[in-house]
Amino acid sequence: MGIANFMAGSVLAHPAVRQVELAGSRARGTATELSDWDFHVYVDDFAHVASDLPELARPRNPLAAQWDPLGEVASYLLIFSGPTKVDLLFPDVPRRSNPPWRVGPDTLAAINAHFWDWTLWLVSKRRRGMTDRVRGELLGMSRHILEPLGIRSVPPSLEDAAARYIRARDRLETRYGLHLSRRLEQEVLPLVHYRPSGLAS
């Protein structure tokens, strides 16, 4: 819990934060080793806290840091080397989901972070045997990320989703003259391909 504890403590020390509570499967005692660390954050001044979150996370060098495009409440999603996923959720700050991604040279890095964050979360769900949930989420991933990249059919598995995504992203990098960091992919992709015996897609 080192990085998760660091982030929770750093956020709690912010002058505009009233309370930080562990939530989700970690709080319920049903987590796997890959489950994310969810924290509910209660604040007096959301804008103040939100503007300071990147600096609070910076000492631990997150591989990805983004506001959840699809959450029902404001959620700051972080992935650290390990990988360790830490989600800071603000239950008192509702929001609407974003539409599917618009693909361009200015959005490709954010799309990449969103894809691998979503994939890591789905790996943890698959590890808990939640195969129906994974299939449903692949439909959402297809609509919001893969279709805008030109991938028309819903992938049948996480492995297939990752393979199709990588091919499409690589083509777009060539088109735009970009090269995104592979650090996040290198952390998550081996987990996509590793499944304990008897675990279905």
N, C-alpha and C. Protein backbone atom coordinates (compact mmCIF):
# COMPACT_ATOMS: atom_id res chain seq x y z
N MET A 1 0.83 -1.22 0.00
CA MET A 1 0.00 0.00 0.00
C MET A 1 0.86 1.26 0.00
N GLY A 2 2.15 1.16 -0.27
CA GLY A 2 3.03 2.30 -0.15
C GLY A 2 2.61 3.52 -0.93
N ILE A 3 2.46 3.36 -2.25
CA ILE A 3 2.09 4.50 -3.10
C ILE A 3 0.67 4.95 -2.79
N ALA A 4 -0.24 4.01 -2.60
CA ALA A 4 -1.62 4.37 -2.28
C ALA A 4 -1.68 5.15 -0.98
N ASN A 5 -0.95 4.70 0.03
CA ASN A 5 -0.92 5.39 1.32
C ASN A 5 -0.31 6.78 1.18
N PHE A 6 0.74 6.87 0.35
CA PHE A 6 1.36 8.17 0.11
C PHE A 6 0.36 9.15 -0.51
N MET A 7 -0.38 8.69 -1.54
CA MET A 7 -1.33 9.58 -2.19
C MET A 7 -2.46 9.97 -1.25
N ALA A 8 -2.99 9.01 -0.50
CA ALA A 8 -4.07 9.34 0.43
C ALA A 8 -3.60 10.36 1.46
N GLY A 9 -2.39 10.16 1.98
CA GLY A 9 -1.87 11.09 2.97
C GLY A 9 -1.60 12.46 2.38
N SER A 10 -1.07 12.51 1.17
CA SER A 10 -0.79 13.78 0.52
C SER A 10 -2.06 14.56 0.26
N VAL A 11 -3.09 13.87 -0.19
CA VAL A 11 -4.37 14.53 -0.46
C VAL A 11 -5.01 15.01 0.84
N LEU A 12 -4.97 14.17 1.86
CA LEU A 12 -5.58 14.53 3.14
C LEU A 12 -4.90 15.77 3.74
N ALA A 13 -3.61 15.94 3.48
CA ALA A 13 -2.89 17.09 4.03
C ALA A 13 -3.25 18.40 3.33
N HIS A 14 -3.96 18.33 2.21
CA HIS A 14 -4.33 19.55 1.49
C HIS A 14 -5.30 20.36 2.35
N PRO A 15 -5.13 21.67 2.42
CA PRO A 15 -5.99 22.48 3.31
C PRO A 15 -7.47 22.50 2.94
N ALA A 16 -7.79 22.17 1.68
CA ALA A 16 -9.19 22.18 1.27
C ALA A 16 -9.84 20.80 1.33
N VAL A 17 -9.13 19.81 1.85
CA VAL A 17 -9.67 18.45 1.94
C VAL A 17 -10.11 18.18 3.37
N ARG A 18 -11.36 17.71 3.52
CA ARG A 18 -11.90 17.40 4.85
C ARG A 18 -11.63 15.96 5.25
N GLN A 19 -11.75 15.03 4.27
CA GLN A 19 -11.71 13.61 4.63
C GLN A 19 -11.30 12.79 3.40
N VAL A 20 -10.56 11.72 3.64
CA VAL A 20 -10.20 10.74 2.61
C VAL A 20 -10.53 9.37 3.17
N GLU A 21 -11.34 8.59 2.44
CA GLU A 21 -11.78 7.27 2.90
C GLU A 21 -11.44 6.21 1.86
N LEU A 22 -10.87 5.11 2.30
CA LEU A 22 -10.69 3.96 1.42
C LEU A 22 -12.05 3.41 1.04
N ALA A 23 -12.22 3.05 -0.23
CA ALA A 23 -13.52 2.59 -0.73
C ALA A 23 -13.30 1.40 -1.66
N GLY A 24 -14.38 0.89 -2.24
CA GLY A 24 -14.30 -0.17 -3.23
C GLY A 24 -13.88 -1.50 -2.65
N SER A 25 -13.31 -2.35 -3.51
CA SER A 25 -12.98 -3.71 -3.10
C SER A 25 -11.91 -3.76 -2.02
N ARG A 26 -11.02 -2.78 -2.00
CA ARG A 26 -9.99 -2.75 -0.95
C ARG A 26 -10.62 -2.55 0.42
N ALA A 27 -11.64 -1.70 0.48
CA ALA A 27 -12.33 -1.47 1.75
C ALA A 27 -13.18 -2.67 2.14
N ARG A 28 -13.75 -3.35 1.14
CA ARG A 28 -14.63 -4.50 1.42
C ARG A 28 -13.84 -5.77 1.72
N GLY A 29 -12.56 -5.79 1.43
CA GLY A 29 -11.76 -6.99 1.63
C GLY A 29 -11.93 -8.02 0.55
N THR A 30 -12.35 -7.60 -0.66
CA THR A 30 -12.57 -8.53 -1.76
C THR A 30 -11.59 -8.30 -2.92
N ALA A 31 -10.56 -7.55 -2.67
CA ALA A 31 -9.63 -7.16 -3.75
C ALA A 31 -8.69 -8.30 -4.11
N THR A 32 -8.21 -8.26 -5.35
CA THR A 32 -7.08 -9.09 -5.77
C THR A 32 -5.82 -8.22 -5.71
N GLU A 33 -4.68 -8.81 -6.02
CA GLU A 33 -3.44 -8.04 -5.98
C GLU A 33 -3.41 -6.94 -7.04
N LEU A 34 -4.27 -7.04 -8.06
CA LEU A 34 -4.30 -6.04 -9.12
C LEU A 34 -5.41 -5.00 -8.95
N SER A 35 -6.24 -5.16 -7.96
CA SER A 35 -7.36 -4.22 -7.78
C SER A 35 -6.84 -2.81 -7.54
N ASP A 36 -7.59 -1.84 -8.03
CA ASP A 36 -7.20 -0.46 -7.82
C ASP A 36 -7.49 -0.04 -6.37
N TRP A 37 -6.81 1.02 -5.97
CA TRP A 37 -7.03 1.63 -4.66
C TRP A 37 -7.97 2.81 -4.85
N ASP A 38 -9.21 2.65 -4.43
CA ASP A 38 -10.20 3.72 -4.54
C ASP A 38 -10.25 4.50 -3.24
N PHE A 39 -10.21 5.82 -3.36
CA PHE A 39 -10.37 6.70 -2.21
C PHE A 39 -11.46 7.71 -2.49
N HIS A 40 -12.42 7.84 -1.58
CA HIS A 40 -13.39 8.91 -1.63
C HIS A 40 -12.79 10.13 -0.96
N VAL A 41 -12.83 11.25 -1.67
CA VAL A 41 -12.23 12.49 -1.19
C VAL A 41 -13.34 13.53 -1.02
N TYR A 42 -13.44 14.07 0.18
CA TYR A 42 -14.46 15.08 0.49
C TYR A 42 -13.74 16.42 0.72
N VAL A 43 -14.21 17.44 0.00
CA VAL A 43 -13.46 18.70 -0.06
C VAL A 43 -14.36 19.90 0.22
N ASP A 44 -13.71 21.00 0.57
CA ASP A 44 -14.41 22.28 0.71
C ASP A 44 -14.31 23.13 -0.55
N ASP A 45 -13.24 22.91 -1.32
CA ASP A 45 -13.01 23.70 -2.52
C ASP A 45 -12.45 22.76 -3.60
N PHE A 46 -13.35 22.21 -4.42
CA PHE A 46 -12.92 21.21 -5.41
C PHE A 46 -11.94 21.79 -6.41
N ALA A 47 -12.19 23.00 -6.91
CA ALA A 47 -11.31 23.58 -7.92
C ALA A 47 -9.89 23.73 -7.38
N HIS A 48 -9.77 24.12 -6.12
CA HIS A 48 -8.44 24.27 -5.51
C HIS A 48 -7.73 22.93 -5.44
N VAL A 49 -8.43 21.91 -4.96
CA VAL A 49 -7.82 20.58 -4.85
C VAL A 49 -7.47 20.04 -6.23
N ALA A 50 -8.40 20.16 -7.18
CA ALA A 50 -8.18 19.61 -8.52
C ALA A 50 -6.93 20.21 -9.17
N SER A 51 -6.73 21.50 -8.99
CA SER A 51 -5.58 22.15 -9.62
C SER A 51 -4.26 21.70 -9.00
N ASP A 52 -4.31 21.23 -7.74
CA ASP A 52 -3.09 20.83 -7.05
C ASP A 52 -2.77 19.34 -7.17
N LEU A 53 -3.70 18.52 -7.67
CA LEU A 53 -3.47 17.08 -7.71
C LEU A 53 -2.24 16.67 -8.52
N PRO A 54 -2.00 17.24 -9.69
CA PRO A 54 -0.79 16.82 -10.42
C PRO A 54 0.49 17.02 -9.61
N GLU A 55 0.58 18.12 -8.88
CA GLU A 55 1.78 18.38 -8.08
C GLU A 55 1.87 17.43 -6.89
N LEU A 56 0.71 17.05 -6.31
CA LEU A 56 0.72 16.11 -5.20
C LEU A 56 1.20 14.73 -5.63
N ALA A 57 0.88 14.34 -6.87
CA ALA A 57 1.29 13.03 -7.38
C ALA A 57 2.71 13.02 -7.93
N ARG A 58 3.23 14.16 -8.30
CA ARG A 58 4.50 14.24 -9.03
C ARG A 58 5.67 13.55 -8.33
N PRO A 59 5.81 13.62 -6.99
CA PRO A 59 6.97 12.96 -6.37
C PRO A 59 7.06 11.46 -6.62
N ARG A 60 5.95 10.80 -6.92
CA ARG A 60 5.96 9.37 -7.18
C ARG A 60 5.94 9.02 -8.67
N ASN A 61 6.09 10.02 -9.53
CA ASN A 61 6.25 9.81 -10.98
C ASN A 61 5.18 8.91 -11.59
N PRO A 62 3.93 9.33 -11.59
CA PRO A 62 2.89 8.49 -12.20
C PRO A 62 3.14 8.26 -13.68
N LEU A 63 2.81 7.06 -14.13
CA LEU A 63 2.89 6.74 -15.56
C LEU A 63 1.72 7.34 -16.32
N ALA A 64 0.61 7.53 -15.63
CA ALA A 64 -0.57 8.16 -16.23
C ALA A 64 -1.32 8.89 -15.12
N ALA A 65 -1.89 10.04 -15.47
CA ALA A 65 -2.71 10.83 -14.55
C ALA A 65 -3.75 11.55 -15.38
N GLN A 66 -5.02 11.29 -15.11
CA GLN A 66 -6.07 11.84 -15.96
C GLN A 66 -7.38 11.91 -15.19
N TRP A 67 -8.23 12.81 -15.60
CA TRP A 67 -9.60 12.83 -15.10
C TRP A 67 -10.42 11.82 -15.90
N ASP A 68 -11.16 10.99 -15.20
CA ASP A 68 -11.94 9.93 -15.85
C ASP A 68 -12.92 10.55 -16.83
N PRO A 69 -12.80 10.22 -18.13
CA PRO A 69 -13.74 10.78 -19.11
C PRO A 69 -15.17 10.26 -18.96
N LEU A 70 -15.35 9.13 -18.26
CA LEU A 70 -16.65 8.47 -18.25
C LEU A 70 -17.28 8.36 -16.87
N GLY A 71 -16.64 8.82 -15.84
CA GLY A 71 -17.17 8.66 -14.49
C GLY A 71 -18.40 9.51 -14.24
N GLU A 72 -19.25 9.03 -13.34
CA GLU A 72 -20.45 9.78 -12.94
C GLU A 72 -20.12 10.86 -11.91
N VAL A 73 -18.98 10.72 -11.24
CA VAL A 73 -18.46 11.77 -10.37
C VAL A 73 -17.04 12.07 -10.80
N ALA A 74 -16.55 13.25 -10.43
CA ALA A 74 -15.18 13.60 -10.78
C ALA A 74 -14.22 12.59 -10.17
N SER A 75 -13.32 12.04 -10.99
CA SER A 75 -12.40 11.00 -10.54
C SER A 75 -11.05 11.22 -11.19
N TYR A 76 -10.02 11.30 -10.37
CA TYR A 76 -8.66 11.48 -10.86
C TYR A 76 -7.98 10.12 -10.82
N LEU A 77 -7.58 9.63 -11.98
CA LEU A 77 -7.08 8.27 -12.14
C LEU A 77 -5.57 8.30 -12.31
N LEU A 78 -4.88 7.54 -11.47
CA LEU A 78 -3.42 7.50 -11.50
C LEU A 78 -2.94 6.07 -11.65
N ILE A 79 -1.88 5.88 -12.42
CA ILE A 79 -1.21 4.58 -12.50
C ILE A 79 0.28 4.82 -12.23
N PHE A 80 0.81 4.04 -11.29
CA PHE A 80 2.22 4.10 -10.94
C PHE A 80 2.88 2.79 -11.34
N SER A 81 4.19 2.80 -11.42
CA SER A 81 4.92 1.59 -11.76
C SER A 81 4.57 0.48 -10.79
N GLY A 82 4.44 -0.71 -11.33
CA GLY A 82 4.06 -1.88 -10.52
C GLY A 82 3.30 -2.94 -11.30
N PRO A 83 2.17 -2.59 -11.98
CA PRO A 83 1.52 -1.29 -11.88
C PRO A 83 0.58 -1.22 -10.66
N THR A 84 0.42 -0.02 -10.15
CA THR A 84 -0.51 0.26 -9.07
C THR A 84 -1.45 1.36 -9.52
N LYS A 85 -2.75 1.07 -9.46
CA LYS A 85 -3.77 2.02 -9.91
C LYS A 85 -4.44 2.65 -8.69
N VAL A 86 -4.42 3.98 -8.62
CA VAL A 86 -5.03 4.73 -7.52
C VAL A 86 -6.07 5.67 -8.12
N ASP A 87 -7.31 5.55 -7.66
CA ASP A 87 -8.39 6.41 -8.14
C ASP A 87 -8.88 7.29 -7.00
N LEU A 88 -8.85 8.59 -7.22
CA LEU A 88 -9.35 9.56 -6.25
C LEU A 88 -10.72 10.04 -6.72
N LEU A 89 -11.75 9.63 -6.01
CA LEU A 89 -13.12 9.92 -6.41
C LEU A 89 -13.73 10.99 -5.51
N PHE A 90 -14.43 11.91 -6.11
CA PHE A 90 -15.05 13.01 -5.39
C PHE A 90 -16.57 12.83 -5.45
N PRO A 91 -17.15 12.11 -4.47
CA PRO A 91 -18.58 11.75 -4.55
C PRO A 91 -19.52 12.93 -4.60
N ASP A 92 -19.08 14.09 -4.10
CA ASP A 92 -19.95 15.26 -4.07
C ASP A 92 -19.81 16.13 -5.31
N VAL A 93 -19.07 15.64 -6.31
CA VAL A 93 -18.85 16.43 -7.53
C VAL A 93 -19.33 15.62 -8.73
N PRO A 94 -20.64 15.67 -9.05
CA PRO A 94 -21.16 14.91 -10.20
C PRO A 94 -20.68 15.49 -11.52
N ARG A 95 -20.65 14.63 -12.53
CA ARG A 95 -20.26 15.07 -13.87
C ARG A 95 -20.95 14.19 -14.90
N ARG A 96 -20.93 14.64 -16.14
CA ARG A 96 -21.47 13.86 -17.25
C ARG A 96 -20.34 13.19 -18.01
N SER A 97 -20.65 12.01 -18.55
CA SER A 97 -19.65 11.29 -19.34
C SER A 97 -19.32 12.06 -20.61
N ASN A 98 -18.08 11.99 -21.02
CA ASN A 98 -17.67 12.58 -22.28
C ASN A 98 -18.17 11.73 -23.45
N PRO A 99 -18.30 12.30 -24.63
CA PRO A 99 -18.61 11.51 -25.82
C PRO A 99 -17.40 10.68 -26.22
N PRO A 100 -17.54 9.80 -27.21
CA PRO A 100 -16.37 9.06 -27.71
C PRO A 100 -15.25 10.01 -28.11
N TRP A 101 -14.04 9.50 -28.04
CA TRP A 101 -12.87 10.32 -28.32
C TRP A 101 -12.87 10.86 -29.75
N ARG A 102 -12.41 12.06 -29.89
CA ARG A 102 -12.06 12.63 -31.19
C ARG A 102 -10.57 12.38 -31.37
N VAL A 103 -10.21 11.69 -32.43
CA VAL A 103 -8.81 11.28 -32.62
C VAL A 103 -8.06 12.35 -33.39
N GLY A 104 -6.90 12.72 -32.88
CA GLY A 104 -6.04 13.69 -33.55
C GLY A 104 -4.69 13.72 -32.87
N PRO A 105 -3.74 14.44 -33.42
CA PRO A 105 -2.41 14.49 -32.81
C PRO A 105 -2.43 15.10 -31.40
N ASP A 106 -3.44 15.91 -31.12
CA ASP A 106 -3.53 16.55 -29.80
C ASP A 106 -4.22 15.68 -28.76
N THR A 107 -4.85 14.57 -29.19
CA THR A 107 -5.59 13.72 -28.24
C THR A 107 -5.01 12.32 -28.11
N LEU A 108 -4.05 11.95 -28.95
CA LEU A 108 -3.61 10.56 -28.99
C LEU A 108 -2.96 10.13 -27.66
N ALA A 109 -2.20 11.00 -27.03
CA ALA A 109 -1.57 10.64 -25.75
C ALA A 109 -2.63 10.40 -24.68
N ALA A 110 -3.66 11.22 -24.64
CA ALA A 110 -4.74 11.05 -23.66
C ALA A 110 -5.53 9.78 -23.94
N ILE A 111 -5.76 9.47 -25.21
CA ILE A 111 -6.43 8.23 -25.57
C ILE A 111 -5.61 7.03 -25.10
N ASN A 112 -4.31 7.11 -25.31
CA ASN A 112 -3.42 6.02 -24.90
C ASN A 112 -3.50 5.78 -23.39
N ALA A 113 -3.47 6.85 -22.62
CA ALA A 113 -3.59 6.72 -21.16
C ALA A 113 -4.94 6.13 -20.77
N HIS A 114 -6.00 6.57 -21.43
CA HIS A 114 -7.34 6.07 -21.12
C HIS A 114 -7.45 4.58 -21.45
N PHE A 115 -6.92 4.17 -22.59
CA PHE A 115 -7.02 2.77 -22.98
C PHE A 115 -6.31 1.87 -21.96
N TRP A 116 -5.08 2.21 -21.60
CA TRP A 116 -4.34 1.33 -20.70
C TRP A 116 -4.86 1.38 -19.27
N ASP A 117 -5.40 2.51 -18.84
CA ASP A 117 -6.05 2.57 -17.53
C ASP A 117 -7.28 1.66 -17.51
N TRP A 118 -8.10 1.76 -18.53
CA TRP A 118 -9.31 0.94 -18.64
C TRP A 118 -8.92 -0.54 -18.71
N THR A 119 -7.89 -0.84 -19.48
CA THR A 119 -7.45 -2.23 -19.62
C THR A 119 -6.96 -2.80 -18.30
N LEU A 120 -6.17 -2.04 -17.56
CA LEU A 120 -5.68 -2.51 -16.26
C LEU A 120 -6.85 -2.79 -15.32
N TRP A 121 -7.83 -1.93 -15.32
CA TRP A 121 -9.02 -2.13 -14.49
C TRP A 121 -9.75 -3.41 -14.90
N LEU A 122 -9.84 -3.66 -16.20
CA LEU A 122 -10.51 -4.87 -16.67
C LEU A 122 -9.71 -6.13 -16.35
N VAL A 123 -8.39 -6.05 -16.38
CA VAL A 123 -7.58 -7.19 -15.96
C VAL A 123 -7.91 -7.57 -14.52
N SER A 124 -8.08 -6.58 -13.66
CA SER A 124 -8.41 -6.88 -12.26
C SER A 124 -9.80 -7.50 -12.15
N LYS A 125 -10.75 -7.05 -12.98
CA LYS A 125 -12.10 -7.65 -12.97
C LYS A 125 -12.04 -9.09 -13.47
N ARG A 126 -11.26 -9.34 -14.51
CA ARG A 126 -11.11 -10.70 -15.02
C ARG A 126 -10.47 -11.60 -13.97
N ARG A 127 -9.52 -11.06 -13.23
CA ARG A 127 -8.86 -11.85 -12.19
C ARG A 127 -9.85 -12.28 -11.11
N ARG A 128 -10.91 -11.51 -10.93
CA ARG A 128 -11.94 -11.86 -9.94
C ARG A 128 -13.05 -12.73 -10.55
N GLY A 129 -12.88 -13.13 -11.82
CA GLY A 129 -13.85 -14.00 -12.45
C GLY A 129 -15.07 -13.29 -13.00
N MET A 130 -15.01 -11.97 -13.17
CA MET A 130 -16.17 -11.18 -13.61
C MET A 130 -16.20 -11.12 -15.13
N THR A 131 -16.38 -12.27 -15.78
CA THR A 131 -16.28 -12.34 -17.24
C THR A 131 -17.39 -11.57 -17.94
N ASP A 132 -18.59 -11.59 -17.40
CA ASP A 132 -19.69 -10.84 -18.02
C ASP A 132 -19.42 -9.34 -17.95
N ARG A 133 -18.87 -8.89 -16.84
CA ARG A 133 -18.54 -7.46 -16.71
C ARG A 133 -17.48 -7.07 -17.73
N VAL A 134 -16.49 -7.93 -17.92
CA VAL A 134 -15.43 -7.63 -18.89
C VAL A 134 -16.02 -7.52 -20.29
N ARG A 135 -16.89 -8.46 -20.66
CA ARG A 135 -17.50 -8.40 -22.01
C ARG A 135 -18.30 -7.12 -22.20
N GLY A 136 -19.06 -6.74 -21.18
CA GLY A 136 -19.83 -5.50 -21.29
C GLY A 136 -18.95 -4.28 -21.41
N GLU A 137 -17.85 -4.27 -20.66
CA GLU A 137 -16.93 -3.13 -20.73
C GLU A 137 -16.21 -3.07 -22.06
N LEU A 138 -15.94 -4.23 -22.67
CA LEU A 138 -15.32 -4.22 -24.00
C LEU A 138 -16.22 -3.55 -25.03
N LEU A 139 -17.53 -3.69 -24.85
CA LEU A 139 -18.47 -3.00 -25.73
C LEU A 139 -18.33 -1.49 -25.54
N GLY A 140 -18.26 -1.04 -24.29
CA GLY A 140 -18.07 0.39 -24.03
C GLY A 140 -16.73 0.89 -24.53
N MET A 141 -15.69 0.10 -24.34
CA MET A 141 -14.36 0.48 -24.83
C MET A 141 -14.37 0.61 -26.35
N SER A 142 -15.07 -0.31 -26.99
CA SER A 142 -15.17 -0.25 -28.45
C SER A 142 -15.81 1.06 -28.90
N ARG A 143 -16.89 1.43 -28.23
CA ARG A 143 -17.62 2.64 -28.63
C ARG A 143 -16.81 3.91 -28.37
N HIS A 144 -16.15 3.98 -27.23
CA HIS A 144 -15.50 5.23 -26.83
C HIS A 144 -14.08 5.38 -27.34
N ILE A 145 -13.36 4.27 -27.54
CA ILE A 145 -11.95 4.36 -27.93
C ILE A 145 -11.67 3.68 -29.26
N LEU A 146 -12.07 2.42 -29.40
CA LEU A 146 -11.63 1.65 -30.56
C LEU A 146 -12.31 2.09 -31.85
N GLU A 147 -13.61 2.32 -31.82
CA GLU A 147 -14.29 2.78 -33.05
C GLU A 147 -13.71 4.10 -33.56
N PRO A 148 -13.49 5.10 -32.69
CA PRO A 148 -12.86 6.33 -33.20
C PRO A 148 -11.49 6.10 -33.83
N LEU A 149 -10.80 5.02 -33.42
CA LEU A 149 -9.50 4.70 -34.01
C LEU A 149 -9.64 3.93 -35.32
N GLY A 150 -10.87 3.62 -35.71
CA GLY A 150 -11.10 2.90 -36.96
C GLY A 150 -11.32 1.41 -36.80
N ILE A 151 -11.48 0.93 -35.56
CA ILE A 151 -11.70 -0.50 -35.30
C ILE A 151 -13.20 -0.72 -35.18
N ARG A 152 -13.79 -1.37 -36.15
CA ARG A 152 -15.24 -1.38 -36.28
C ARG A 152 -15.94 -2.47 -35.48
N SER A 153 -15.29 -3.58 -35.22
CA SER A 153 -15.96 -4.68 -34.52
C SER A 153 -15.50 -4.73 -33.07
N VAL A 154 -16.39 -5.22 -32.21
CA VAL A 154 -16.09 -5.31 -30.78
C VAL A 154 -15.13 -6.47 -30.55
N PRO A 155 -14.01 -6.24 -29.88
CA PRO A 155 -13.06 -7.34 -29.65
C PRO A 155 -13.66 -8.38 -28.71
N PRO A 156 -13.37 -9.66 -28.94
CA PRO A 156 -13.93 -10.71 -28.10
C PRO A 156 -13.19 -10.91 -26.78
N SER A 157 -12.02 -10.31 -26.62
CA SER A 157 -11.22 -10.55 -25.43
C SER A 157 -10.31 -9.35 -25.18
N LEU A 158 -9.76 -9.29 -23.98
CA LEU A 158 -8.80 -8.23 -23.68
C LEU A 158 -7.55 -8.34 -24.56
N GLU A 159 -7.11 -9.57 -24.80
CA GLU A 159 -5.94 -9.76 -25.66
C GLU A 159 -6.18 -9.19 -27.05
N ASP A 160 -7.36 -9.46 -27.59
CA ASP A 160 -7.67 -8.97 -28.93
C ASP A 160 -7.81 -7.45 -28.93
N ALA A 161 -8.42 -6.91 -27.89
CA ALA A 161 -8.55 -5.46 -27.79
C ALA A 161 -7.19 -4.79 -27.78
N ALA A 162 -6.27 -5.33 -26.99
CA ALA A 162 -4.93 -4.75 -26.91
C ALA A 162 -4.19 -4.83 -28.24
N ALA A 163 -4.29 -5.98 -28.91
CA ALA A 163 -3.61 -6.15 -30.19
C ALA A 163 -4.14 -5.17 -31.24
N ARG A 164 -5.47 -5.05 -31.32
CA ARG A 164 -6.06 -4.14 -32.30
C ARG A 164 -5.71 -2.69 -31.96
N TYR A 165 -5.77 -2.36 -30.67
CA TYR A 165 -5.46 -0.98 -30.27
C TYR A 165 -4.03 -0.62 -30.64
N ILE A 166 -3.08 -1.50 -30.34
CA ILE A 166 -1.67 -1.20 -30.61
C ILE A 166 -1.44 -0.98 -32.10
N ARG A 167 -2.04 -1.82 -32.93
CA ARG A 167 -1.88 -1.64 -34.38
C ARG A 167 -2.43 -0.29 -34.84
N ALA A 168 -3.63 0.05 -34.33
CA ALA A 168 -4.24 1.32 -34.74
C ALA A 168 -3.45 2.51 -34.23
N ARG A 169 -3.01 2.44 -32.98
CA ARG A 169 -2.22 3.55 -32.43
C ARG A 169 -0.92 3.73 -33.18
N ASP A 170 -0.25 2.62 -33.50
CA ASP A 170 1.02 2.72 -34.23
C ASP A 170 0.83 3.38 -35.59
N ARG A 171 -0.26 3.03 -36.27
CA ARG A 171 -0.55 3.66 -37.57
C ARG A 171 -0.74 5.17 -37.40
N LEU A 172 -1.46 5.55 -36.36
CA LEU A 172 -1.73 6.97 -36.14
C LEU A 172 -0.46 7.72 -35.74
N GLU A 173 0.41 7.08 -34.98
CA GLU A 173 1.69 7.72 -34.66
C GLU A 173 2.47 8.03 -35.94
N THR A 174 2.49 7.08 -36.85
CA THR A 174 3.19 7.30 -38.11
C THR A 174 2.55 8.44 -38.89
N ARG A 175 1.22 8.46 -38.93
CA ARG A 175 0.51 9.50 -39.66
C ARG A 175 0.79 10.88 -39.08
N TYR A 176 0.82 10.97 -37.75
CA TYR A 176 0.97 12.27 -37.09
C TYR A 176 2.42 12.64 -36.81
N GLY A 177 3.35 11.71 -37.06
CA GLY A 177 4.74 11.99 -36.74
C GLY A 177 5.01 12.03 -35.25
N LEU A 178 4.32 11.18 -34.50
CA LEU A 178 4.45 11.13 -33.04
C LEU A 178 5.07 9.81 -32.61
N HIS A 179 5.59 9.79 -31.38
CA HIS A 179 5.98 8.52 -30.75
C HIS A 179 5.68 8.65 -29.26
N LEU A 180 4.64 7.97 -28.81
CA LEU A 180 4.24 8.03 -27.41
C LEU A 180 5.12 7.11 -26.57
N SER A 181 5.24 7.45 -25.31
CA SER A 181 5.97 6.60 -24.38
C SER A 181 5.29 5.23 -24.31
N ARG A 182 6.10 4.19 -24.21
CA ARG A 182 5.58 2.82 -24.08
C ARG A 182 5.63 2.32 -22.63
N ARG A 183 5.99 3.18 -21.69
CA ARG A 183 6.16 2.73 -20.30
C ARG A 183 4.86 2.15 -19.73
N LEU A 184 3.75 2.82 -19.96
CA LEU A 184 2.48 2.34 -19.43
C LEU A 184 2.09 1.03 -20.09
N GLU A 185 2.23 0.95 -21.40
CA GLU A 185 1.94 -0.29 -22.12
C GLU A 185 2.81 -1.44 -21.61
N GLN A 186 4.07 -1.17 -21.36
CA GLN A 186 4.97 -2.22 -20.90
C GLN A 186 4.60 -2.73 -19.51
N GLU A 187 3.95 -1.91 -18.71
CA GLU A 187 3.49 -2.34 -17.39
C GLU A 187 2.22 -3.19 -17.48
N VAL A 188 1.30 -2.80 -18.36
CA VAL A 188 -0.04 -3.41 -18.38
C VAL A 188 -0.12 -4.61 -19.31
N LEU A 189 0.52 -4.54 -20.48
CA LEU A 189 0.35 -5.58 -21.49
C LEU A 189 0.70 -6.98 -20.98
N PRO A 190 1.78 -7.17 -20.22
CA PRO A 190 2.05 -8.54 -19.72
C PRO A 190 0.93 -9.09 -18.86
N LEU A 191 0.20 -8.24 -18.16
CA LEU A 191 -0.92 -8.69 -17.33
C LEU A 191 -2.11 -9.11 -18.20
N VAL A 192 -2.25 -8.46 -19.35
CA VAL A 192 -3.31 -8.84 -20.28
C VAL A 192 -3.09 -10.27 -20.77
N HIS A 193 -1.84 -10.62 -21.03
CA HIS A 193 -1.52 -11.93 -21.61
C HIS A 193 -1.34 -13.02 -20.56
N TYR A 194 -1.26 -12.62 -19.29
CA TYR A 194 -1.10 -13.62 -18.23
C TYR A 194 -2.44 -13.89 -17.57
N ARG A 195 -2.83 -15.18 -17.55
CA ARG A 195 -4.05 -15.57 -16.84
C ARG A 195 -3.77 -16.85 -16.07
N PRO A 196 -4.09 -16.86 -14.76
CA PRO A 196 -3.96 -18.10 -14.02
C PRO A 196 -4.78 -19.20 -14.67
N SER A 197 -4.38 -20.44 -14.53
CA SER A 197 -5.08 -21.56 -15.17
C SER A 197 -6.54 -21.58 -14.78
N GLY A 198 -7.38 -21.81 -15.79
CA GLY A 198 -8.81 -21.92 -15.55
C GLY A 198 -9.55 -20.61 -15.63
N LEU A 199 -8.84 -19.49 -15.86
CA LEU A 199 -9.49 -18.20 -15.91
C LEU A 199 -9.82 -17.85 -17.36
N ALA A 200 -11.10 -17.68 -17.65
CA ALA A 200 -11.55 -17.39 -19.01
C ALA A 200 -11.47 -15.92 -19.30
N SER A 201 -11.59 -15.55 -20.57
CA SER A 201 -11.60 -14.14 -20.97
C SER A 201 -12.87 -13.48 -20.46
